[in-house]
C-alpha atoms as a PDB file:
ATOM      1  CA  MET A   1     282.771 169.197 -89.981  1.00  0.00           C
ATOM      2  CA  GLY A   2     283.510 167.212 -86.752  1.00  0.00           C
ATOM      3  CA  THR A   3     286.630 164.791 -86.751  1.00  0.00           C
ATOM      4  CA  LEU A   4     285.475 161.161 -87.528  1.00  0.00           C
ATOM      5  CA  THR A   5     285.971 158.427 -84.597  1.00  0.00           C
ATOM      6  CA  PRO A   6     287.606 155.157 -85.990  1.00  0.00           C
ATOM      7  CA  ALA A   7     284.514 153.609 -85.644  1.00  0.00           C
ATOM      8  CA  ASP A   8     283.284 155.913 -87.830  1.00  0.00           C
ATOM      9  CA  THR A   9     285.841 155.700 -90.225  1.00  0.00           C
ATOM     10  CA  GLN A  10     285.951 151.641 -90.376  1.00  0.00           C
ATOM     11  CA  THR A  11     281.948 152.125 -91.015  1.00  0.00           C
ATOM     12  CA  SER A  12     282.211 154.533 -93.785  1.00  0.00           C
ATOM     13  CA  LEU A  13     285.077 152.356 -95.464  1.00  0.00           C
ATOM     14  CA  PHE A  14     282.424 149.505 -94.911  1.00  0.00           C
ATOM     15  CA  ASP A  15     279.606 151.342 -96.359  1.00  0.00           C
ATOM     16  CA  ALA A  16     281.526 152.357 -99.389  1.00  0.00           C
ATOM     17  CA  TRP A  17     282.896 148.860-100.300  1.00  0.00           C
ATOM     18  CA  LYS A  18     279.147 147.552 -99.635  1.00  0.00           C
ATOM     19  CA  GLN A  19     277.960 149.871-102.341  1.00  0.00           C
ATOM     20  CA  ALA A  20     280.971 149.415-104.781  1.00  0.00           C
ATOM     21  CA  PRO A  21     282.619 146.125-104.279  1.00  0.00           C
ATOM     22  CA  GLY A  22     286.068 146.431-106.024  1.00  0.00           C
ATOM     23  CA  PRO A  23     289.615 146.688-105.499  1.00  0.00           C
ATOM     24  CA  LYS A  24     289.660 150.684-104.523  1.00  0.00           C
ATOM     25  CA  THR A  25     286.819 149.991-101.974  1.00  0.00           C
ATOM     26  CA  LEU A  26     288.399 146.614-100.749  1.00  0.00           C
ATOM     27  CA  THR A  27     292.195 147.698-100.196  1.00  0.00           C
ATOM     28  CA  PRO A  28     291.498 150.546 -97.853  1.00  0.00           C
ATOM     29  CA  LEU A  29     289.262 148.303 -95.438  1.00  0.00           C
ATOM     30  CA  ILE A  30     291.410 145.509 -95.315  1.00  0.00           C
ATOM     31  CA  GLN A  31     294.131 148.291 -94.272  1.00  0.00           C
ATOM     32  CA  ASN A  32     292.057 149.511 -91.488  1.00  0.00           C
ATOM     33  CA  LEU A  33     291.394 146.054 -90.212  1.00  0.00           C
ATOM     34  CA  GLU A  34     295.186 145.718 -89.953  1.00  0.00           C
ATOM     35  CA  PRO A  35     294.954 145.807 -86.422  1.00  0.00           C
ATOM     36  CA  THR A  36     292.464 143.190 -85.711  1.00  0.00           C
ATOM     37  CA  ILE A  37     294.290 140.753 -88.317  1.00  0.00           C
ATOM     38  CA  THR A  38     297.766 141.276 -86.021  1.00  0.00           C
ATOM     39  CA  LYS A  39     295.705 140.820 -83.095  1.00  0.00           C
ATOM     40  CA  ALA A  40     294.163 137.423 -84.361  1.00  0.00           C
ATOM     41  CA  LEU A  41     297.688 136.816 -85.573  1.00  0.00           C
ATOM     42  CA  THR A  42     299.092 137.290 -82.382  1.00  0.00           C
ATOM     43  CA  ALA A  43     296.178 135.269 -80.564  1.00  0.00           C
ATOM     44  CA  TYR A  44     296.850 132.078 -82.400  1.00  0.00           C
ATOM     45  CA  GLY A  45     300.679 131.938 -82.686  1.00  0.00           C
ATOM     46  CA  TYR A  46     301.335 133.625 -86.179  1.00  0.00           C
ATOM     47  CA  ALA A  47     302.961 137.021 -85.236  1.00  0.00           C
ATOM     48  CA  GLY A  48     305.279 137.804 -88.001  1.00  0.00           C
ATOM     49  CA  ASP A  49     304.358 135.135 -89.997  1.00  0.00           C
ATOM     50  CA  ALA A  50     304.065 136.914 -93.610  1.00  0.00           C
ATOM     51  CA  ASN A  51     302.320 133.979 -95.418  1.00  0.00           C
ATOM     52  CA  MET A  52     299.636 134.037 -92.698  1.00  0.00           C
ATOM     53  CA  ARG A  53     299.403 137.404 -92.874  1.00  0.00           C
ATOM     54  CA  THR A  54     298.133 136.912 -96.262  1.00  0.00           C
ATOM     55  CA  GLN A  55     295.875 134.223 -95.651  1.00  0.00           C
ATOM     56  CA  ALA A  56     294.231 136.196 -93.009  1.00  0.00           C
ATOM     57  CA  ARG A  57     293.953 139.280 -95.222  1.00  0.00           C
ATOM     58  CA  LEU A  58     292.333 136.831 -97.992  1.00  0.00           C
ATOM     59  CA  LEU A  59     289.860 135.099 -95.296  1.00  0.00           C
ATOM     60  CA  ALA A  60     288.621 139.080 -93.807  1.00  0.00           C
ATOM     61  CA  ALA A  61     288.152 140.392 -97.372  1.00  0.00           C
ATOM     62  CA  ASN A  62     285.662 137.035 -98.274  1.00  0.00           C
ATOM     63  CA  ALA A  63     284.102 137.045 -95.264  1.00  0.00           C
ATOM     64  CA  LEU A  64     282.637 140.746 -95.805  1.00  0.00           C
ATOM     65  CA  PRO A  65     279.808 139.979 -97.538  1.00  0.00           C
ATOM     66  CA  ARG A  66     278.435 137.777 -94.375  1.00  0.00           C
ATOM     67  CA  PHE A  67     278.826 140.671 -92.240  1.00  0.00           C
ATOM     68  CA  ASP A  68     275.772 141.852 -90.389  1.00  0.00           C
ATOM     69  CA  PRO A  69     276.334 145.543 -88.713  1.00  0.00           C
ATOM     70  CA  LYS A  70     273.340 144.712 -86.406  1.00  0.00           C
ATOM     71  CA  ARG A  71     274.879 141.893 -84.966  1.00  0.00           C
ATOM     72  CA  ALA A  72     278.223 142.945 -83.884  1.00  0.00           C
ATOM     73  CA  SER A  73     280.981 145.761 -84.731  1.00  0.00           C
ATOM     74  CA  LEU A  74     283.652 144.717 -87.867  1.00  0.00           C
ATOM     75  CA  ASP A  75     286.214 144.004 -85.806  1.00  0.00           C
ATOM     76  CA  THR A  76     284.467 141.539 -83.615  1.00  0.00           C
ATOM     77  CA  PHE A  77     283.401 139.919 -86.720  1.00  0.00           C
ATOM     78  CA  VAL A  78     286.614 139.682 -88.491  1.00  0.00           C
ATOM     79  CA  PHE A  79     288.566 138.377 -85.407  1.00  0.00           C
ATOM     80  CA  GLY A  80     285.487 135.727 -85.287  1.00  0.00           C
ATOM     81  CA  GLU A  81     286.220 135.038 -88.737  1.00  0.00           C
ATOM     82  CA  LEU A  82     289.776 134.386 -88.321  1.00  0.00           C
ATOM     83  CA  ARG A  83     289.382 131.632 -85.865  1.00  0.00           C
ATOM     84  CA  ARG A  84     290.028 129.459 -89.099  1.00  0.00           C
ATOM     85  CA  LEU A  85     293.755 130.386 -88.965  1.00  0.00           C
ATOM     86  CA  GLN A  86     293.565 127.468 -86.205  1.00  0.00           C
ATOM     87  CA  ARG A  87     292.738 125.094 -89.129  1.00  0.00           C
ATOM     88  CA  ILE A  88     294.740 126.627 -92.023  1.00  0.00           C
ATOM     89  CA  GLY A  89     298.226 127.198 -90.045  1.00  0.00           C
ATOM     90  CA  PRO A  90     299.316 123.864 -89.168  1.00  0.00           C
ATOM     91  CA  LYS A  91     298.671 122.936 -93.176  1.00  0.00           C
ATOM     92  CA  GLN A  92     301.127 126.038 -94.095  1.00  0.00           C
ATOM     93  CA  GLU A  93     303.946 125.217 -91.066  1.00  0.00           C
ATOM     94  CA  HIS A  94     304.888 121.966 -92.821  1.00  0.00           C
ATOM     95  CA  ALA A  95     304.934 123.090 -96.495  1.00  0.00           C
ATOM     96  CA  VAL A  96     307.952 123.827 -98.068  1.00  0.00           C
ATOM     97  CA  PRO A  97     308.062 127.999 -98.780  1.00  0.00           C
ATOM     98  CA  ILE A  98     307.516 128.916-101.899  1.00  0.00           C
ATOM     99  CA  PRO A  99     311.218 130.391-102.838  1.00  0.00           C
ATOM    100  CA  GLU A 100     313.033 127.546-100.933  1.00  0.00           C
ATOM    101  CA  ARG A 101     310.682 125.094-103.303  1.00  0.00           C
ATOM    102  CA  VAL A 102     311.535 127.080-106.396  1.00  0.00           C
ATOM    103  CA  MET A 103     315.574 126.526-105.488  1.00  0.00           C
ATOM    104  CA  LEU A 104     315.408 123.229-104.388  1.00  0.00           C
ATOM    105  CA  GLU A 105     313.813 122.107-107.828  1.00  0.00           C
ATOM    106  CA  ARG A 106     316.467 124.035-109.801  1.00  0.00           C
ATOM    107  CA  ARG A 107     319.107 122.120-108.214  1.00  0.00           C
ATOM    108  CA  ALA A 108     317.384 119.144-108.809  1.00  0.00           C
ATOM    109  CA  LEU A 109     317.155 119.877-112.632  1.00  0.00           C
ATOM    110  CA  GLU A 110     320.579 120.832-112.621  1.00  0.00           C
ATOM    111  CA  ARG A 111     321.871 117.851-110.456  1.00  0.00           C
ATOM    112  CA  ALA A 112     319.606 115.429-112.901  1.00  0.00           C
ATOM    113  CA  SER A 113     320.989 117.004-115.687  1.00  0.00           C
ATOM    114  CA  SER A 114     324.916 116.781-114.517  1.00  0.00           C
ATOM    115  CA  ASP A 115     323.994 113.002-114.052  1.00  0.00           C
ATOM    116  CA  LEU A 116     322.147 111.965-117.373  1.00  0.00           C
ATOM    117  CA  TYR A 117     325.013 113.762-119.405  1.00  0.00           C
ATOM    118  CA  GLU A 118     327.451 111.506-117.608  1.00  0.00           C
ATOM    119  CA  GLU A 119     325.532 108.381-118.008  1.00  0.00           C
ATOM    120  CA  LEU A 120     324.485 108.965-121.641  1.00  0.00           C
ATOM    121  CA  GLY A 121     327.636 110.883-122.920  1.00  0.00           C
ATOM    122  CA  ARG A 122     325.535 113.580-124.189  1.00  0.00           C
ATOM    123  CA  PRO A 123     322.938 116.227-122.942  1.00  0.00           C
ATOM    124  CA  PRO A 124     319.759 114.292-122.142  1.00  0.00           C
ATOM    125  CA  THR A 125     316.209 115.372-123.802  1.00  0.00           C
ATOM    126  CA  ASP A 126     313.717 116.974-121.777  1.00  0.00           C
ATOM    127  CA  ASP A 127     311.443 113.586-121.328  1.00  0.00           C
ATOM    128  CA  GLU A 128     314.927 111.664-120.107  1.00  0.00           C
ATOM    129  CA  ILE A 129     315.046 114.880-117.978  1.00  0.00           C
ATOM    130  CA  GLN A 130     311.064 114.614-116.814  1.00  0.00           C
ATOM    131  CA  ASP A 131     311.437 110.758-116.088  1.00  0.00           C
ATOM    132  CA  ARG A 132     314.418 111.331-113.709  1.00  0.00           C
ATOM    133  CA  THR A 133     313.234 114.385-111.796  1.00  0.00           C
ATOM    134  CA  GLY A 134     309.044 114.109-112.343  1.00  0.00           C
ATOM    135  CA  LEU A 135     308.673 118.017-113.404  1.00  0.00           C
ATOM    136  CA  THR A 136     306.643 118.889-115.986  1.00  0.00           C
ATOM    137  CA  LYS A 137     307.689 120.375-119.028  1.00  0.00           C
ATOM    138  CA  GLY A 138     306.226 123.591-118.174  1.00  0.00           C
ATOM    139  CA  ARG A 139     308.167 123.576-114.872  1.00  0.00           C
ATOM    140  CA  LEU A 140     311.502 122.852-116.888  1.00  0.00           C
ATOM    141  CA  ARG A 141     310.932 125.756-118.520  1.00  0.00           C
ATOM    142  CA  THR A 142     309.919 128.185-115.703  1.00  0.00           C
ATOM    143  CA  LEU A 143     313.071 126.373-113.367  1.00  0.00           C
ATOM    144  CA  ARG A 144     315.659 127.345-116.596  1.00  0.00           C
ATOM    145  CA  SER A 145     314.418 130.652-116.423  1.00  0.00           C
ATOM    146  CA  VAL A 146     315.530 131.502-112.811  1.00  0.00           C
ATOM    147  CA  ARG A 147     319.098 133.013-112.687  1.00  0.00           C
ATOM    148  CA  ALA A 148     320.954 132.236-109.574  1.00  0.00           C
ATOM    149  CA  GLN A 149     319.597 133.721-106.367  1.00  0.00           C
ATOM    150  CA  VAL A 150     321.281 136.774-105.080  1.00  0.00           C
ATOM    151  CA  VAL A 151     321.268 137.013-101.276  1.00  0.00           C
ATOM    152  CA  GLY A 152     318.456 138.920 -99.992  1.00  0.00           C
ATOM    153  CA  GLU A 153     316.289 138.457-102.639  1.00  0.00           C
ATOM    154  CA  ASN A 154     312.769 136.963-102.090  1.00  0.00           C
ATOM    155  CA  LEU A 155     311.133 135.039-105.011  1.00  0.00           C
ATOM    156  CA  ASP A 156     307.550 134.457-106.050  1.00  0.00           C
ATOM    157  CA  ASP A 157     306.615 130.790-107.183  1.00  0.00           C
ATOM    158  CA  GLN A 158     307.446 131.595-110.820  1.00  0.00           C
ATOM    159  CA  GLY A 159     310.969 132.397-109.696  1.00  0.00           C
ATOM    160  CA  ARG A 160     310.454 136.385-109.823  1.00  0.00           C
ATOM    161  CA  VAL A 161     312.491 138.564-107.633  1.00  0.00           C
ATOM    162  CA  ILE A 162     309.675 140.027-105.303  1.00  0.00           C
ATOM    163  CA  THR A 163     310.608 143.900-104.850  1.00  0.00           C
ATOM    164  CA  ALA A 164     309.099 145.783-101.839  1.00  0.00           C
ATOM    165  CA  ALA A 165     305.795 146.883-103.833  1.00  0.00           C
ATOM    166  CA  ASP A 166     305.079 142.929-104.209  1.00  0.00           C
ATOM    167  CA  ASP A 167     304.153 142.778-100.383  1.00  0.00           C
ATOM    168  CA  GLY A 168     300.708 141.945-100.975  1.00  0.00           C
ATOM    169  CA  THR A 169     299.109 145.409 -99.986  1.00  0.00           C
ATOM    170  CA  ASP A 170     298.754 146.179-103.765  1.00  0.00           C
ATOM    171  CA  ALA A 171     295.371 146.773-104.383  1.00  0.00           C
ATOM    172  CA  SER A 172     295.124 144.673-107.913  1.00  0.00           C
ATOM    173  CA  LYS A 173     296.892 142.192-106.382  1.00  0.00           C
ATOM    174  CA  LEU A 174     294.695 141.754-103.317  1.00  0.00           C
ATOM    175  CA  TRP A 175     291.922 141.612-105.348  1.00  0.00           C
ATOM    176  CA  GLU A 176     292.883 138.868-107.719  1.00  0.00           C
ATOM    177  CA  GLU A 177     294.388 137.057-104.766  1.00  0.00           C
ATOM    178  CA  ALA A 178     290.410 137.476-103.306  1.00  0.00           C
ATOM    179  CA  VAL A 179     289.349 136.238-106.265  1.00  0.00           C
ATOM    180  CA  VAL A 180     291.427 133.368-106.742  1.00  0.00           C
ATOM    181  CA  TYR A 181     290.712 132.284-103.163  1.00  0.00           C
ATOM    182  CA  SER A 182     287.025 132.014-103.382  1.00  0.00           C
ATOM    183  CA  LEU A 183     287.000 130.243-106.531  1.00  0.00           C
ATOM    184  CA  GLY A 184     285.614 126.589-106.217  1.00  0.00           C
ATOM    185  CA  PRO A 185     287.801 123.889-107.354  1.00  0.00           C
ATOM    186  CA  VAL A 186     286.693 123.666-110.646  1.00  0.00           C
ATOM    187  CA  ASP A 187     287.053 127.081-111.503  1.00  0.00           C
ATOM    188  CA  LYS A 188     290.393 127.039-109.577  1.00  0.00           C
ATOM    189  CA  LYS A 189     291.895 124.883-112.481  1.00  0.00           C
ATOM    190  CA  ILE A 190     290.427 126.708-115.005  1.00  0.00           C
ATOM    191  CA  TYR A 191     292.093 129.604-113.871  1.00  0.00           C
ATOM    192  CA  GLU A 192     294.999 127.586-113.404  1.00  0.00           C
ATOM    193  CA  TRP A 193     295.104 126.259-117.026  1.00  0.00           C
ATOM    194  CA  SER A 194     293.982 129.459-118.440  1.00  0.00           C
ATOM    195  CA  THR A 195     297.027 131.516-116.717  1.00  0.00           C
ATOM    196  CA  GLY A 196     299.646 129.032-116.640  1.00  0.00           C
ATOM    197  CA  SER A 197     300.107 129.635-112.958  1.00  0.00           C
ATOM    198  CA  GLY A 198     299.825 126.422-112.053  1.00  0.00           C
ATOM    199  CA  GLY A 199     303.010 125.349-114.682  1.00  0.00           C
ATOM    200  CA  GLU A 200     300.571 124.020-117.526  1.00  0.00           C
ATOM    201  CA  GLN A 201     298.251 125.732-119.843  1.00  0.00           C
ATOM    202  CA  LEU A 202     295.521 124.074-121.153  1.00  0.00           C
ATOM    203  CA  THR A 203     292.593 124.658-124.138  1.00  0.00           C
ATOM    204  CA  LYS A 204     289.254 125.052-123.466  1.00  0.00           C
ATOM    205  CA  ALA A 205     288.703 121.205-124.837  1.00  0.00           C
ATOM    206  CA  GLU A 206     291.648 119.889-123.040  1.00  0.00           C
ATOM    207  CA  MET A 207     289.993 121.627-119.855  1.00  0.00           C
ATOM    208  CA  ALA A 208     286.638 120.047-120.673  1.00  0.00           C
ATOM    209  CA  LEU A 209     288.042 116.572-121.117  1.00  0.00           C
ATOM    210  CA  ARG A 210     290.203 116.698-117.678  1.00  0.00           C
ATOM    211  CA  LEU A 211     287.138 118.346-115.900  1.00  0.00           C
ATOM    212  CA  ARG A 212     284.574 115.782-117.235  1.00  0.00           C
ATOM    213  CA  ILE A 213     282.204 118.828-118.505  1.00  0.00           C
ATOM    214  CA  SER A 214     281.858 120.407-121.651  1.00  0.00           C
ATOM    215  CA  PRO A 215     283.438 123.007-123.011  1.00  0.00           C
ATOM    216  CA  ALA A 216     280.471 125.439-123.240  1.00  0.00           C
ATOM    217  CA  ALA A 217     280.516 125.149-119.554  1.00  0.00           C
ATOM    218  CA  VAL A 218     284.172 125.609-119.573  1.00  0.00           C
ATOM    219  CA  THR A 219     283.621 129.038-121.645  1.00  0.00           C
ATOM    220  CA  GLN A 220     281.046 129.979-119.151  1.00  0.00           C
ATOM    221  CA  ARG A 221     283.221 129.594-116.435  1.00  0.00           C
ATOM    222  CA  ALA A 222     286.091 131.117-117.626  1.00  0.00           C
ATOM    223  CA  ALA A 223     284.291 134.157-118.807  1.00  0.00           C
ATOM    224  CA  MET A 224     282.648 134.442-115.132  1.00  0.00           C
ATOM    225  CA  ILE A 225     285.895 134.533-113.569  1.00  0.00           C
ATOM    226  CA  ALA A 226     287.315 137.171-116.324  1.00  0.00           C
ATOM    227  CA  ARG A 227     284.037 139.482-114.964  1.00  0.00           C
ATOM    228  CA  LYS A 228     285.435 139.173-111.454  1.00  0.00           C
ATOM    229  CA  LEU A 229     288.886 139.613-112.207  1.00  0.00           C
ATOM    230  CA  SER A 230     288.292 142.645-114.767  1.00  0.00           C
ATOM    231  CA  ALA A 231     286.904 145.094-111.838  1.00  0.00           C
ATOM    232  CA  GLY A 232     290.855 145.356-110.869  1.00  0.00           C
ATOM    233  CA  GLU A 233     292.015 146.020-114.367  1.00  0.00           C
ATOM    234  CA  ALA A 234     291.421 149.612-113.571  1.00  0.00           C
ATOM    235  CA  ILE A 235     294.424 150.135-111.065  1.00  0.00           C
ATOM    236  CA  ARG A 236     296.516 147.582-112.612  1.00  0.00           C
ATOM    237  CA  VAL A 237     300.012 149.492-113.584  1.00  0.00           C
END
């Protein structure tokens, strides 16, 4: 049996994903596309930008269902899809990086708590801190759980230390990010409020009220999201 060419290998990986979409087939395919992703990042001025690389991987993953091998090679198709980085990039450039935002909010919390203690002559309540900082109660709990940052550590948006294993190439992580990235605005809010990833957890009745849809619709949408995410459960550790 002869050695597969790079093109044959890529075709084989794509066919495997097409037949059984899921994290186990998606991850090796995206890894195979890394040279193309790197080429696009370099072409659009984002070489070395870890956040934009994650965005590029998600764009590539979500474009796969539209790929037609009769019209172009997968590399050419993905490179063309990554032109969207030119629109996404400027929106990212001026955003405060997540680890920095966590630490800025933590410092704001500490400063507000100290100032209020001096003004009131007693420890302030959470309501008083909320009024002063604009932070939600959920965010206050998160920030209080963040220990002082050690030099060299990276934090995620919950203030947790990111280890080398959390670099975005883990199969289940990539699958979850791809699923969440593909959700519409309403479903994203249901995901955030169900998991607390946005700093707030709500009941289905509360979600329905805020979204102006029925509780049954919330249940149906939540079930759909759960089905999509469950495809990655088998490889979670």
